[in-house]
C-alpha atoms as a PDB file:
ATOM      1  CA  MET A   1     -40.750  22.934 -14.541  1.00  0.00           C
ATOM      2  CA  THR A   2     -42.469  20.302 -12.361  1.00  0.00           C
ATOM      3  CA  ILE A   3     -43.459  17.105 -13.947  1.00  0.00           C
ATOM      4  CA  PHE A   4     -46.970  15.425 -13.221  1.00  0.00           C
ATOM      5  CA  ARG A   5     -48.384  12.101 -13.910  1.00  0.00           C
ATOM      6  CA  HIS A   6     -51.785  10.943 -13.400  1.00  0.00           C
ATOM      7  CA  SER A   7     -54.125   7.910 -13.919  1.00  0.00           C
ATOM      8  CA  ALA A   8     -58.002   8.081 -13.663  1.00  0.00           C
ATOM      9  CA  VAL A   9     -60.689   5.608 -13.359  1.00  0.00           C
ATOM     10  CA  THR A  10     -64.619   5.736 -13.089  1.00  0.00           C
ATOM     11  CA  HIS A  11     -66.705   2.764 -12.680  1.00  0.00           C
ATOM     12  CA  THR A  12     -70.544   2.381 -12.280  1.00  0.00           C
ATOM     13  CA  GLY A  13     -70.367   0.035  -9.436  1.00  0.00           C
ATOM     14  CA  ARG A  14     -72.398  -3.095  -8.815  1.00  0.00           C
ATOM     15  CA  VAL A  15     -75.576  -1.832  -7.929  1.00  0.00           C
ATOM     16  CA  ARG A  16     -76.208   1.333  -9.892  1.00  0.00           C
ATOM     17  CA  LYS A  17     -77.304   0.941 -13.646  1.00  0.00           C
ATOM     18  CA  ILE A  18     -76.017   4.465 -14.606  1.00  0.00           C
ATOM     19  CA  ASN A  19     -72.806   6.179 -13.638  1.00  0.00           C
ATOM     20  CA  GLU A  20     -73.751   9.605 -12.350  1.00  0.00           C
ATOM     21  CA  ASP A  21     -69.977  10.325 -11.766  1.00  0.00           C
ATOM     22  CA  SER A  22     -67.958  12.568 -14.219  1.00  0.00           C
ATOM     23  CA  ILE A  23     -64.102  13.062 -14.088  1.00  0.00           C
ATOM     24  CA  LEU A  24     -61.692  15.095 -15.930  1.00  0.00           C
ATOM     25  CA  SER A  25     -58.251  15.241 -16.416  1.00  0.00           C
ATOM     26  CA  LEU A  26     -56.481  18.295 -18.219  1.00  0.00           C
ATOM     27  CA  PRO A  27     -52.792  17.844 -17.681  1.00  0.00           C
ATOM     28  CA  ASP A  28     -51.931  20.757 -19.927  1.00  0.00           C
ATOM     29  CA  HIS A  29     -54.088  22.895 -17.980  1.00  0.00           C
ATOM     30  CA  ARG A  30     -52.615  21.326 -14.628  1.00  0.00           C
ATOM     31  CA  ILE A  31     -56.466  20.644 -13.550  1.00  0.00           C
ATOM     32  CA  TRP A  32     -58.216  17.709 -12.559  1.00  0.00           C
ATOM     33  CA  VAL A  33     -61.784  17.293 -11.390  1.00  0.00           C
ATOM     34  CA  VAL A  34     -64.249  14.626  -9.938  1.00  0.00           C
ATOM     35  CA  SER A  35     -68.147  15.365  -9.923  1.00  0.00           C
ATOM     36  CA  ASP A  36     -70.887  13.129  -8.615  1.00  0.00           C
ATOM     37  CA  GLY A  37     -74.344  13.865  -9.824  1.00  0.00           C
ATOM     38  CA  MET A  38     -77.507  13.767  -8.029  1.00  0.00           C
ATOM     39  CA  GLY A  39     -81.163  13.628  -9.113  1.00  0.00           C
ATOM     40  CA  GLY A  40     -81.468  10.445 -10.948  1.00  0.00           C
ATOM     41  CA  HIS A  41     -80.920   8.990 -14.553  1.00  0.00           C
ATOM     42  CA  GLU A  42     -80.758  12.158 -16.831  1.00  0.00           C
ATOM     43  CA  ALA A  43     -80.432  14.337 -14.126  1.00  0.00           C
ATOM     44  CA  GLY A  44     -77.366  13.418 -11.723  1.00  0.00           C
ATOM     45  CA  ASP A  45     -75.243  12.601 -14.878  1.00  0.00           C
ATOM     46  CA  PHE A  46     -76.395  15.745 -16.880  1.00  0.00           C
ATOM     47  CA  ALA A  47     -75.299  17.709 -13.766  1.00  0.00           C
ATOM     48  CA  SER A  48     -71.772  16.009 -13.323  1.00  0.00           C
ATOM     49  CA  GLN A  49     -71.212  16.170 -16.633  1.00  0.00           C
ATOM     50  CA  THR A  50     -72.312  20.014 -16.914  1.00  0.00           C
ATOM     51  CA  VAL A  51     -69.553  20.785 -14.378  1.00  0.00           C
ATOM     52  CA  THR A  52     -66.751  18.824 -16.186  1.00  0.00           C
ATOM     53  CA  ALA A  53     -67.579  20.275 -19.546  1.00  0.00           C
ATOM     54  CA  ALA A  54     -67.442  23.783 -18.157  1.00  0.00           C
ATOM     55  CA  VAL A  55     -64.002  23.296 -16.985  1.00  0.00           C
ATOM     56  CA  ALA A  56     -62.981  21.090 -20.279  1.00  0.00           C
ATOM     57  CA  ALA A  57     -63.854  24.422 -22.271  1.00  0.00           C
ATOM     58  CA  LEU A  58     -61.270  26.603 -20.516  1.00  0.00           C
ATOM     59  CA  PRO A  59     -58.443  27.693 -22.810  1.00  0.00           C
ATOM     60  CA  PRO A  60     -55.024  26.298 -21.825  1.00  0.00           C
ATOM     61  CA  ASP A  61     -52.819  29.332 -22.147  1.00  0.00           C
ATOM     62  CA  MET A  62     -53.398  31.253 -18.994  1.00  0.00           C
ATOM     63  CA  GLY A  63     -51.035  31.984 -15.906  1.00  0.00           C
ATOM     64  CA  PRO A  64     -51.671  30.443 -12.898  1.00  0.00           C
ATOM     65  CA  LYS A  65     -53.731  33.046 -11.229  1.00  0.00           C
ATOM     66  CA  GLU A  66     -55.869  33.521 -14.331  1.00  0.00           C
ATOM     67  CA  MET A  67     -56.393  29.718 -14.380  1.00  0.00           C
ATOM     68  CA  MET A  68     -57.497  29.620 -10.934  1.00  0.00           C
ATOM     69  CA  ARG A  69     -60.067  32.347 -11.564  1.00  0.00           C
ATOM     70  CA  ALA A  70     -61.087  30.773 -14.572  1.00  0.00           C
ATOM     71  CA  LEU A  71     -61.653  27.326 -12.823  1.00  0.00           C
ATOM     72  CA  ARG A  72     -63.792  28.966 -10.077  1.00  0.00           C
ATOM     73  CA  GLY A  73     -65.644  30.767 -12.682  1.00  0.00           C
ATOM     74  CA  ALA A  74     -66.287  27.554 -14.655  1.00  0.00           C
ATOM     75  CA  ILE A  75     -67.637  25.784 -11.750  1.00  0.00           C
ATOM     76  CA  HIS A  76     -70.375  28.719 -11.126  1.00  0.00           C
ATOM     77  CA  ASP A  77     -71.153  28.678 -14.688  1.00  0.00           C
ATOM     78  CA  ALA A  78     -71.944  25.156 -14.423  1.00  0.00           C
ATOM     79  CA  HIS A  79     -73.867  26.207 -11.309  1.00  0.00           C
ATOM     80  CA  ALA A  80     -76.114  28.507 -13.217  1.00  0.00           C
ATOM     81  CA  GLN A  81     -76.678  25.830 -16.340  1.00  0.00           C
ATOM     82  CA  ILE A  82     -77.725  23.175 -13.861  1.00  0.00           C
ATOM     83  CA  LEU A  83     -80.117  25.724 -11.911  1.00  0.00           C
ATOM     84  CA  ALA A  84     -81.682  26.619 -15.072  1.00  0.00           C
ATOM     85  CA  GLU A  85     -82.491  22.969 -16.419  1.00  0.00           C
ATOM     86  CA  SER A  86     -83.879  22.374 -12.672  1.00  0.00           C
ATOM     87  CA  GLU A  87     -86.362  24.996 -13.394  1.00  0.00           C
ATOM     88  CA  ARG A  88     -86.979  24.364 -16.837  1.00  0.00           C
ATOM     89  CA  SER A  89     -87.782  20.323 -16.405  1.00  0.00           C
ATOM     90  CA  ALA A  90     -89.442  20.592 -13.037  1.00  0.00           C
ATOM     91  CA  ARG A  91     -87.674  17.423 -12.028  1.00  0.00           C
ATOM     92  CA  GLY A  92     -86.812  18.425  -8.632  1.00  0.00           C
ATOM     93  CA  VAL A  93     -83.429  18.798  -7.124  1.00  0.00           C
ATOM     94  CA  ILE A  94     -80.444  18.377  -9.441  1.00  0.00           C
ATOM     95  CA  GLY A  95     -76.705  19.023  -8.648  1.00  0.00           C
ATOM     96  CA  ALA A  96     -73.492  17.740  -8.397  1.00  0.00           C
ATOM     97  CA  THR A  97     -70.628  17.635  -5.952  1.00  0.00           C
ATOM     98  CA  VAL A  98     -67.270  18.806  -7.270  1.00  0.00           C
ATOM     99  CA  VAL A  99     -63.626  18.797  -6.255  1.00  0.00           C
ATOM    100  CA  ALA A 100     -61.286  20.391  -8.509  1.00  0.00           C
ATOM    101  CA  LEU A 101     -57.406  20.147  -8.093  1.00  0.00           C
ATOM    102  CA  ILE A 102     -55.085  22.979  -9.963  1.00  0.00           C
ATOM    103  CA  LEU A 103     -51.410  22.461  -9.390  1.00  0.00           C
ATOM    104  CA  THR A 104     -48.385  25.071 -10.402  1.00  0.00           C
ATOM    105  CA  ASP A 105     -44.828  24.148 -10.076  1.00  0.00           C
ATOM    106  CA  ASP A 106     -44.876  25.137  -6.278  1.00  0.00           C
ATOM    107  CA  HIS A 107     -48.438  25.281  -5.192  1.00  0.00           C
ATOM    108  CA  PHE A 108     -51.763  23.572  -5.376  1.00  0.00           C
ATOM    109  CA  ALA A 109     -55.231  25.071  -4.767  1.00  0.00           C
ATOM    110  CA  ALA A 110     -58.468  23.247  -4.752  1.00  0.00           C
ATOM    111  CA  PHE A 111     -62.304  23.744  -4.739  1.00  0.00           C
ATOM    112  CA  TRP A 112     -65.095  21.908  -3.437  1.00  0.00           C
ATOM    113  CA  ALA A 113     -68.775  21.497  -2.841  1.00  0.00           C
ATOM    114  CA  GLY A 114     -70.300  18.243  -1.376  1.00  0.00           C
ATOM    115  CA  ASP A 115     -68.678  15.022  -0.529  1.00  0.00           C
ATOM    116  CA  SER A 116     -66.060  14.317  -3.049  1.00  0.00           C
ATOM    117  CA  ARG A 117     -62.702  14.380  -1.753  1.00  0.00           C
ATOM    118  CA  LEU A 118     -59.085  15.577  -2.071  1.00  0.00           C
ATOM    119  CA  TYR A 119     -56.324  13.583  -0.236  1.00  0.00           C
ATOM    120  CA  CYS A 120     -52.546  14.099  -0.318  1.00  0.00           C
ATOM    121  CA  LEU A 121     -49.873  11.434   0.353  1.00  0.00           C
ATOM    122  CA  ARG A 122     -46.553  12.841   1.592  1.00  0.00           C
ATOM    123  CA  ASP A 123     -43.909  11.082   3.155  1.00  0.00           C
ATOM    124  CA  GLY A 124     -45.889   7.963   3.532  1.00  0.00           C
ATOM    125  CA  GLU A 125     -48.765   9.615   5.420  1.00  0.00           C
ATOM    126  CA  LEU A 126     -52.222  10.299   3.925  1.00  0.00           C
ATOM    127  CA  ASP A 127     -54.068  13.595   4.930  1.00  0.00           C
ATOM    128  CA  MET A 128     -57.603  14.232   3.801  1.00  0.00           C
ATOM    129  CA  LEU A 129     -57.380  18.053   2.618  1.00  0.00           C
ATOM    130  CA  THR A 130     -60.809  18.603   2.079  1.00  0.00           C
ATOM    131  CA  HIS A 131     -63.931  18.309   4.408  1.00  0.00           C
ATOM    132  CA  ASP A 132     -67.167  17.146   3.530  1.00  0.00           C
ATOM    133  CA  HIS A 133     -70.353  19.485   3.150  1.00  0.00           C
ATOM    134  CA  SER A 134     -72.661  16.948   4.788  1.00  0.00           C
ATOM    135  CA  VAL A 135     -75.094  16.347   7.694  1.00  0.00           C
ATOM    136  CA  LEU A 136     -72.770  14.367   9.557  1.00  0.00           C
ATOM    137  CA  ALA A 137     -69.614  16.575   8.813  1.00  0.00           C
ATOM    138  CA  ASP A 138     -69.811  18.893  11.990  1.00  0.00           C
ATOM    139  CA  LEU A 139     -69.979  15.588  14.261  1.00  0.00           C
ATOM    140  CA  VAL A 140     -66.722  14.273  12.525  1.00  0.00           C
ATOM    141  CA  LEU A 141     -65.008  17.894  12.789  1.00  0.00           C
ATOM    142  CA  SER A 142     -66.120  18.023  16.439  1.00  0.00           C
ATOM    143  CA  GLY A 143     -64.707  14.812  17.396  1.00  0.00           C
ATOM    144  CA  ALA A 144     -67.703  13.101  17.927  1.00  0.00           C
ATOM    145  CA  MET A 145     -67.169  10.241  15.386  1.00  0.00           C
ATOM    146  CA  THR A 146     -64.780   9.581  12.644  1.00  0.00           C
ATOM    147  CA  TRP A 147     -64.973   9.666   8.816  1.00  0.00           C
ATOM    148  CA  GLU A 148     -65.190   5.949   8.561  1.00  0.00           C
ATOM    149  CA  GLU A 149     -67.973   5.716  11.317  1.00  0.00           C
ATOM    150  CA  ALA A 150     -69.822   8.789   9.303  1.00  0.00           C
ATOM    151  CA  GLU A 151     -69.464   6.668   6.052  1.00  0.00           C
ATOM    152  CA  ARG A 152     -71.390   3.797   7.803  1.00  0.00           C
ATOM    153  CA  HIS A 153     -74.330   6.142   9.071  1.00  0.00           C
ATOM    154  CA  PRO A 154     -77.654   6.301   7.435  1.00  0.00           C
ATOM    155  CA  GLU A 155     -77.313   9.572   6.690  1.00  0.00           C
ATOM    156  CA  SER A 156     -73.974   9.417   5.170  1.00  0.00           C
ATOM    157  CA  ASN A 157     -75.157  10.452   1.541  1.00  0.00           C
ATOM    158  CA  VAL A 158     -77.009  13.764   2.973  1.00  0.00           C
ATOM    159  CA  ILE A 159     -74.978  16.711   1.579  1.00  0.00           C
ATOM    160  CA  THR A 160     -75.558  20.208   2.571  1.00  0.00           C
ATOM    161  CA  ARG A 161     -73.831  21.835  -0.741  1.00  0.00           C
ATOM    162  CA  ALA A 162     -73.758  21.024  -4.273  1.00  0.00           C
ATOM    163  CA  VAL A 163     -73.427  22.611  -7.487  1.00  0.00           C
ATOM    164  CA  GLY A 164     -76.704  23.474  -9.003  1.00  0.00           C
ATOM    165  CA  VAL A 165     -78.560  23.433  -5.411  1.00  0.00           C
ATOM    166  CA  GLY A 166     -79.418  26.825  -3.975  1.00  0.00           C
ATOM    167  CA  ASP A 167     -78.183  29.968  -4.932  1.00  0.00           C
ATOM    168  CA  PRO A 168     -75.308  31.395  -4.761  1.00  0.00           C
ATOM    169  CA  LEU A 169     -72.967  28.675  -4.761  1.00  0.00           C
ATOM    170  CA  GLU A 170     -70.475  28.390  -1.944  1.00  0.00           C
ATOM    171  CA  LEU A 171     -67.190  27.087  -2.935  1.00  0.00           C
ATOM    172  CA  ASP A 172     -64.568  26.054  -0.182  1.00  0.00           C
ATOM    173  CA  LYS A 173     -61.013  26.567  -1.203  1.00  0.00           C
ATOM    174  CA  ILE A 174     -57.584  25.083   0.039  1.00  0.00           C
ATOM    175  CA  ARG A 175     -54.068  25.883  -1.010  1.00  0.00           C
ATOM    176  CA  GLY A 176     -50.956  24.749   0.145  1.00  0.00           C
ATOM    177  CA  ASP A 177     -47.127  24.111  -1.231  1.00  0.00           C
ATOM    178  CA  VAL A 178     -46.215  20.950  -3.756  1.00  0.00           C
ATOM    179  CA  ARG A 179     -43.152  18.694  -2.892  1.00  0.00           C
ATOM    180  CA  PRO A 180     -41.488  16.265  -5.278  1.00  0.00           C
ATOM    181  CA  GLY A 181     -43.070  12.920  -4.311  1.00  0.00           C
ATOM    182  CA  ASP A 182     -46.433  14.327  -3.385  1.00  0.00           C
ATOM    183  CA  ARG A 183     -49.471  12.034  -4.336  1.00  0.00           C
ATOM    184  CA  PHE A 184     -53.009  13.462  -4.478  1.00  0.00           C
ATOM    185  CA  LEU A 185     -56.078  11.493  -4.912  1.00  0.00           C
ATOM    186  CA  LEU A 186     -59.385  13.210  -5.774  1.00  0.00           C
ATOM    187  CA  CYS A 187     -62.407  10.836  -5.509  1.00  0.00           C
ATOM    188  CA  SER A 188     -66.025  10.488  -5.128  1.00  0.00           C
ATOM    189  CA  ASP A 189     -67.889   9.329  -2.045  1.00  0.00           C
ATOM    190  CA  GLY A 190     -68.350   5.760  -4.047  1.00  0.00           C
ATOM    191  CA  LEU A 191     -64.687   5.037  -3.020  1.00  0.00           C
ATOM    192  CA  THR A 192     -64.706   6.198   0.551  1.00  0.00           C
ATOM    193  CA  LYS A 193     -67.969   4.049   1.296  1.00  0.00           C
ATOM    194  CA  HIS A 194     -65.638   0.889   1.201  1.00  0.00           C
ATOM    195  CA  LEU A 195     -62.063   2.323   1.731  1.00  0.00           C
ATOM    196  CA  GLY A 196     -61.028   4.008   4.906  1.00  0.00           C
ATOM    197  CA  LEU A 197     -58.145   6.225   5.272  1.00  0.00           C
ATOM    198  CA  ALA A 198     -55.565   3.504   6.253  1.00  0.00           C
ATOM    199  CA  ASP A 199     -57.003   1.438   3.268  1.00  0.00           C
ATOM    200  CA  LEU A 200     -56.459   4.429   1.079  1.00  0.00           C
ATOM    201  CA  ALA A 201     -53.078   4.957   2.400  1.00  0.00           C
ATOM    202  CA  ALA A 202     -51.889   1.364   1.925  1.00  0.00           C
ATOM    203  CA  VAL A 203     -52.904   1.295  -1.903  1.00  0.00           C
ATOM    204  CA  LEU A 204     -51.653   4.644  -2.475  1.00  0.00           C
ATOM    205  CA  ARG A 205     -48.044   3.940  -0.877  1.00  0.00           C
ATOM    206  CA  ALA A 206     -48.082   0.510  -2.782  1.00  0.00           C
ATOM    207  CA  GLU A 207     -49.386   0.650  -6.330  1.00  0.00           C
ATOM    208  CA  PRO A 208     -47.169   2.435  -9.192  1.00  0.00           C
ATOM    209  CA  MET A 209     -48.939   5.180 -11.097  1.00  0.00           C
ATOM    210  CA  GLU A 210     -50.201   2.539 -14.005  1.00  0.00           C
ATOM    211  CA  THR A 211     -52.315   0.754 -11.458  1.00  0.00           C
ATOM    212  CA  VAL A 212     -53.121   2.775  -8.659  1.00  0.00           C
ATOM    213  CA  ALA A 213     -56.292   4.472  -9.841  1.00  0.00           C
ATOM    214  CA  GLU A 214     -57.671   0.827 -11.115  1.00  0.00           C
ATOM    215  CA  LYS A 215     -56.709  -0.684  -7.886  1.00  0.00           C
ATOM    216  CA  LEU A 216     -58.675   1.794  -5.574  1.00  0.00           C
ATOM    217  CA  VAL A 217     -61.621   1.196  -7.795  1.00  0.00           C
ATOM    218  CA  SER A 218     -61.311  -2.393  -7.463  1.00  0.00           C
ATOM    219  CA  ARG A 219     -61.018  -2.556  -3.950  1.00  0.00           C
ATOM    220  CA  ALA A 220     -64.222  -0.688  -3.597  1.00  0.00           C
ATOM    221  CA  LEU A 221     -65.805  -3.210  -5.807  1.00  0.00           C
ATOM    222  CA  GLU A 222     -64.701  -5.859  -3.754  1.00  0.00           C
ATOM    223  CA  GLY A 223     -66.134  -3.912  -0.744  1.00  0.00           C
ATOM    224  CA  GLY A 224     -69.494  -4.027  -2.408  1.00  0.00           C
ATOM    225  CA  GLY A 225     -69.521  -1.359  -5.063  1.00  0.00           C
ATOM    226  CA  THR A 226     -72.653   0.258  -3.978  1.00  0.00           C
ATOM    227  CA  ASP A 227     -72.275   3.494  -5.618  1.00  0.00           C
ATOM    228  CA  ASN A 228     -70.381   4.880  -8.492  1.00  0.00           C
ATOM    229  CA  ILE A 229     -66.802   4.832  -7.818  1.00  0.00           C
ATOM    230  CA  SER A 230     -64.485   7.389  -9.308  1.00  0.00           C
ATOM    231  CA  ALA A 231     -60.598   8.003  -8.571  1.00  0.00           C
ATOM    232  CA  ILE A 232     -57.978  10.306  -9.898  1.00  0.00           C
ATOM    233  CA  VAL A 233     -54.619   9.812  -8.748  1.00  0.00           C
ATOM    234  CA  VAL A 234     -52.008  12.761  -9.507  1.00  0.00           C
ATOM    235  CA  ASP A 235     -47.979  12.281  -8.856  1.00  0.00           C
ATOM    236  CA  VAL A 236     -45.622  15.314  -8.281  1.00  0.00           C
ATOM    237  CA  VAL A 237     -42.604  13.779 -10.135  1.00  0.00           C
END
């Protein structure tokens, strides 16, 4: 059986007063989740916590295919709950990004909506496995700008998909193989606003599991910490 190790940190940052990020590590399920809320205090944090709470309620004793279906279903359940709260409270748009990783002995799968991201460090090379659902993402994917340039753009925080916004919810999915030595990173955009691909790769290559998530967050804080910051790192041992 493949062994996985993980570390996870979330931080309010240096500017925001409330942490609207929510993170979840379920090693018994082999599931890890980062969700970044939007809508302001008592709305964004409600949305992100609804996402992680829905996933946390999943029972651990399911096979991989059943667990994958259940994970997708939990995110859709959270979507319905957030929509209902938005309609009930009349507080305007409430929503949350999500990136959720599920691992088996041989494969990984991930679901996402919004601009929280999944990366994989393999053989020293870091790849971004997800693509943002954002106003600027199409420009990046067409080659008109880099992700680092997009992060500095005034509209960098304008996303086009979120859990709890619009109906039906569109979740993208990616899957692939898992190899010993792989290191996965799930993060909110509060991290990638301050650390580009080269910065992320340098930390992920250098730091042991015990300190890697905390080091990533501290680097983002040193860069300004203008948003909530969340990072989960998962190693395939």
